[in-house]
C-alpha atoms as a PDB file:
ATOM      1  CA  MET A   1       3.662 -73.340  42.172  1.00  0.00           C
ATOM      2  CA  THR A   2       7.357 -72.473  43.401  1.00  0.00           C
ATOM      3  CA  LEU A   3       7.917 -68.983  45.020  1.00  0.00           C
ATOM      4  CA  GLU A   4      10.146 -68.583  42.345  1.00  0.00           C
ATOM      5  CA  THR A   5       7.983 -68.870  39.824  1.00  0.00           C
ATOM      6  CA  GLU A   6       5.737 -66.402  41.086  1.00  0.00           C
ATOM      7  CA  ALA A   7       8.238 -64.184  41.885  1.00  0.00           C
ATOM      8  CA  ALA A   8       9.191 -64.205  38.009  1.00  0.00           C
ATOM      9  CA  LYS A   9       5.298 -64.057  36.938  1.00  0.00           C
ATOM     10  CA  LEU A  10       5.112 -60.935  39.362  1.00  0.00           C
ATOM     11  CA  GLY A  11       8.486 -59.583  38.379  1.00  0.00           C
ATOM     12  CA  ALA A  12       7.137 -60.024  34.365  1.00  0.00           C
ATOM     13  CA  LYS A  13       4.165 -58.505  35.346  1.00  0.00           C
ATOM     14  CA  GLY A  14       5.690 -55.507  36.865  1.00  0.00           C
ATOM     15  CA  VAL A  15       8.252 -55.076  33.492  1.00  0.00           C
ATOM     16  CA  ALA A  16       4.979 -55.072  31.486  1.00  0.00           C
ATOM     17  CA  ILE A  17       3.059 -52.659  33.895  1.00  0.00           C
ATOM     18  CA  ILE A  18       6.040 -49.529  33.820  1.00  0.00           C
ATOM     19  CA  VAL A  19       6.683 -50.476  29.898  1.00  0.00           C
ATOM     20  CA  LEU A  20       2.734 -49.741  29.418  1.00  0.00           C
ATOM     21  CA  ILE A  21       3.338 -46.719  31.911  1.00  0.00           C
ATOM     22  CA  VAL A  22       6.448 -45.481  29.964  1.00  0.00           C
ATOM     23  CA  LEU A  23       4.810 -46.053  26.192  1.00  0.00           C
ATOM     24  CA  ALA A  24       1.640 -43.811  27.261  1.00  0.00           C
ATOM     25  CA  LEU A  25       3.408 -41.105  28.668  1.00  0.00           C
ATOM     26  CA  ILE A  26       5.296 -40.700  25.570  1.00  0.00           C
ATOM     27  CA  GLY A  27       1.591 -40.852  23.958  1.00  0.00           C
ATOM     28  CA  LEU A  28       0.802 -38.381  26.247  1.00  0.00           C
ATOM     29  CA  GLY A  29       3.983 -36.320  25.225  1.00  0.00           C
ATOM     30  CA  ILE A  30       3.509 -36.607  21.289  1.00  0.00           C
ATOM     31  CA  VAL A  31      -0.254 -35.103  22.436  1.00  0.00           C
ATOM     32  CA  GLY A  32       0.961 -32.317  24.294  1.00  0.00           C
ATOM     33  CA  TRP A  33       3.510 -31.644  21.732  1.00  0.00           C
ATOM     34  CA  PHE A  34       0.706 -31.733  18.556  1.00  0.00           C
ATOM     35  CA  TRP A  35      -1.644 -29.474  20.992  1.00  0.00           C
ATOM     36  CA  LYS A  36       1.275 -27.093  21.485  1.00  0.00           C
ATOM     37  CA  ASP A  37       1.972 -27.158  17.596  1.00  0.00           C
ATOM     38  CA  TYR A  38      -2.307 -26.480  16.728  1.00  0.00           C
ATOM     39  CA  GLN A  39      -2.199 -23.910  18.965  1.00  0.00           C
ATOM     40  CA  ALA A  40       0.947 -21.967  17.690  1.00  0.00           C
ATOM     41  CA  LEU A  41      -0.661 -22.947  14.399  1.00  0.00           C
ATOM     42  CA  LYS A  42      -3.900 -21.273  15.571  1.00  0.00           C
ATOM     43  CA  VAL A  43      -2.591 -17.847  16.528  1.00  0.00           C
ATOM     44  CA  LYS A  44      -0.235 -17.583  13.500  1.00  0.00           C
ATOM     45  CA  ASN A  45      -3.159 -17.800  11.589  1.00  0.00           C
ATOM     46  CA  GLU A  46      -5.377 -15.347  13.189  1.00  0.00           C
ATOM     47  CA  ALA A  47      -2.168 -13.031  13.213  1.00  0.00           C
ATOM     48  CA  ALA A  48      -2.363 -13.659   9.040  1.00  0.00           C
ATOM     49  CA  GLU A  49      -6.122 -12.869   8.805  1.00  0.00           C
ATOM     50  CA  SER A  50      -5.742  -9.868  10.941  1.00  0.00           C
ATOM     51  CA  VAL A  51      -3.161  -8.757   8.480  1.00  0.00           C
ATOM     52  CA  SER A  52      -5.080  -9.342   5.498  1.00  0.00           C
ATOM     53  CA  THR A  53      -7.666  -7.583   6.492  1.00  0.00           C
ATOM     54  CA  VAL A  54      -5.670  -4.730   7.047  1.00  0.00           C
ATOM     55  CA  THR A  55      -4.108  -5.415   3.955  1.00  0.00           C
ATOM     56  CA  SER A  56      -7.423  -5.360   2.339  1.00  0.00           C
ATOM     57  CA  GLN A  57      -9.009  -2.008   4.118  1.00  0.00           C
ATOM     58  CA  ALA A  58      -5.489  -0.504   3.139  1.00  0.00           C
ATOM     59  CA  THR A  59      -6.684  -1.544  -0.716  1.00  0.00           C
ATOM     60  CA  ASP A  60      -9.812  -0.376  -0.660  1.00  0.00           C
ATOM     61  CA  ALA A  61      -8.948   3.137   0.962  1.00  0.00           C
ATOM     62  CA  LEU A  62      -6.293   3.416  -1.977  1.00  0.00           C
ATOM     63  CA  ALA A  63      -8.409   2.561  -4.944  1.00  0.00           C
ATOM     64  CA  THR A  64     -11.311   5.215  -3.469  1.00  0.00           C
ATOM     65  CA  ALA A  65      -8.893   8.247  -2.670  1.00  0.00           C
ATOM     66  CA  THR A  66      -7.638   6.839  -6.572  1.00  0.00           C
ATOM     67  CA  ASP A  67     -11.032   7.507  -7.763  1.00  0.00           C
ATOM     68  CA  THR A  68     -10.947  10.488  -6.101  1.00  0.00           C
ATOM     69  CA  THR A  69      -7.849  11.886  -7.831  1.00  0.00           C
ATOM     70  CA  GLN A  70      -8.966  10.446 -10.792  1.00  0.00           C
ATOM     71  CA  THR A  71     -12.208  12.879 -10.555  1.00  0.00           C
ATOM     72  CA  VAL A  72     -10.609  15.514  -9.522  1.00  0.00           C
ATOM     73  CA  ARG A  73      -7.688  15.206 -12.633  1.00  0.00           C
ATOM     74  CA  VAL A  74     -10.734  15.135 -15.276  1.00  0.00           C
ATOM     75  CA  VAL A  75     -12.686  18.450 -13.573  1.00  0.00           C
ATOM     76  CA  VAL A  76      -9.692  20.088 -13.395  1.00  0.00           C
ATOM     77  CA  GLU A  77      -8.641  19.472 -17.213  1.00  0.00           C
ATOM     78  CA  GLN A  78     -11.889  20.033 -18.060  1.00  0.00           C
ATOM     79  CA  LYS A  79     -11.939  23.764 -16.044  1.00  0.00           C
ATOM     80  CA  ARG A  80      -8.539  24.448 -17.824  1.00  0.00           C
ATOM     81  CA  ALA A  81      -9.869  23.260 -21.722  1.00  0.00           C
ATOM     82  CA  GLN A  82     -12.399  25.677 -21.109  1.00  0.00           C
ATOM     83  CA  SER A  83     -10.057  28.151 -20.123  1.00  0.00           C
ATOM     84  CA  GLU A  84      -7.882  27.791 -23.266  1.00  0.00           C
ATOM     85  CA  GLN A  85     -10.949  27.956 -25.463  1.00  0.00           C
ATOM     86  CA  ALA A  86     -12.631  30.747 -23.579  1.00  0.00           C
ATOM     87  CA  PHE A  87      -8.824  32.678 -23.945  1.00  0.00           C
ATOM     88  CA  GLU A  88      -8.174  31.505 -27.612  1.00  0.00           C
ATOM     89  CA  GLU A  89     -11.796  32.870 -28.528  1.00  0.00           C
ATOM     90  CA  LEU A  90     -10.482  35.907 -26.502  1.00  0.00           C
ATOM     91  CA  LYS A  91      -7.412  36.791 -28.613  1.00  0.00           C
ATOM     92  CA  ARG A  92      -9.490  36.002 -31.688  1.00  0.00           C
ATOM     93  CA  HIS A  93     -12.190  38.292 -31.457  1.00  0.00           C
ATOM     94  CA  ASP A  94      -9.930  41.457 -29.896  1.00  0.00           C
ATOM     95  CA  PRO A  95      -6.916  42.557 -31.330  1.00  0.00           C
ATOM     96  CA  ILE A  96      -6.280  44.136 -27.922  1.00  0.00           C
ATOM     97  CA  ALA A  97      -5.963  40.996 -25.985  1.00  0.00           C
ATOM     98  CA  ASN A  98      -3.868  39.210 -28.910  1.00  0.00           C
ATOM     99  CA  ASP A  99      -1.288  41.726 -28.934  1.00  0.00           C
ATOM    100  CA  TRP A 100      -1.079  41.534 -24.900  1.00  0.00           C
ATOM    101  CA  ALA A 101      -1.188  37.719 -24.977  1.00  0.00           C
ATOM    102  CA  ASN A 102       1.848  38.006 -27.846  1.00  0.00           C
ATOM    103  CA  GLN A 103       4.144  39.957 -25.519  1.00  0.00           C
ATOM    104  CA  PRO A 104       6.683  38.573 -23.436  1.00  0.00           C
ATOM    105  CA  ILE A 105       6.527  38.744 -19.924  1.00  0.00           C
ATOM    106  CA  PRO A 106       9.274  41.597 -19.155  1.00  0.00           C
ATOM    107  CA  ASP A 107      12.463  40.315 -17.276  1.00  0.00           C
ATOM    108  CA  SER A 108      11.815  42.545 -14.151  1.00  0.00           C
ATOM    109  CA  VAL A 109       8.059  40.447 -13.146  1.00  0.00           C
ATOM    110  CA  ARG A 110       9.810  36.903 -13.999  1.00  0.00           C
ATOM    111  CA  GLN A 111      12.231  37.637 -11.472  1.00  0.00           C
ATOM    112  CA  LEU A 112      10.032  38.851  -8.636  1.00  0.00           C
ATOM    113  CA  ASP A 113      10.898  35.105  -7.368  1.00  0.00           C
ATOM    114  CA  GLY A 114      14.114  35.599  -7.365  1.00  0.00           C
ATOM    115  CA  SER A 115      14.564  32.544  -9.938  1.00  0.00           C
ATOM    116  CA  ALA A 116      16.770  32.555 -12.843  1.00  0.00           C
ATOM    117  CA  LEU A 117      16.010  33.111 -16.327  1.00  0.00           C
ATOM    118  CA  ASP A 118      17.618  30.357 -18.040  1.00  0.00           C
ATOM    119  CA  ARG A 119      14.588  28.047 -18.194  1.00  0.00           C
ATOM    120  CA  PRO A 120      11.255  28.041 -20.272  1.00  0.00           C
ATOM    121  CA  GLN A 121       9.124  30.455 -18.608  1.00  0.00           C
ATOM    122  CA  ASP A 122       5.293  30.553 -19.109  1.00  0.00           C
ATOM    123  CA  ASN A 123       3.888  33.455 -21.320  1.00  0.00           C
ATOM    124  CA  PRO A 124       0.733  34.941 -21.208  1.00  0.00           C
ATOM    125  CA  THR A 125      -1.218  32.165 -23.130  1.00  0.00           C
ATOM    126  CA  GLY A 126      -0.497  29.537 -20.339  1.00  0.00           C
ATOM    127  CA  ARG A 127       1.421  26.876 -22.563  1.00  0.00           C
ATOM    128  CA  GLY A 128       4.722  27.192 -20.601  1.00  0.00           C
ATOM    129  CA  VAL A 129       6.728  27.838 -24.071  1.00  0.00           C
ATOM    130  CA  ALA A 130      10.292  29.877 -23.686  1.00  0.00           C
ATOM    131  CA  ASP A 131       8.878  33.608 -24.075  1.00  0.00           C
ATOM    132  CA  LYS A 132      10.247  35.182 -27.208  1.00  0.00           C
ATOM    133  CA  THR A 133      13.005  37.301 -27.297  1.00  0.00           C
ATOM    134  CA  ASP A 134      13.020  39.347 -30.398  1.00  0.00           C
END
């Protein structure tokens, strides 16, 4: 073989080696890009799971508070119903208490807090109806 043929073979081998090196670097760049993308996705998923956990805990706390509020409301309504029933019984059996319950609240008492008198006022029966104006 001649020297020129040998140089051409070495040149072709050199170009092939350079092309392989460039392809390997491109491959490594793609792998690195996918790795960074994977790491970012992993961090994003961890943050989403954290938010989900906090949201779940807040929802559980809200459900517990709602249940407690409902329980308190039922107890208060039962106590109010018992009081109203006892007051109705008292009015039925005691004419003096019945007369008292039917009396309007005096203006001087209703104005103690400084509010206007142009709205319905509670009367002694506690029903929130307007007082009698006779």
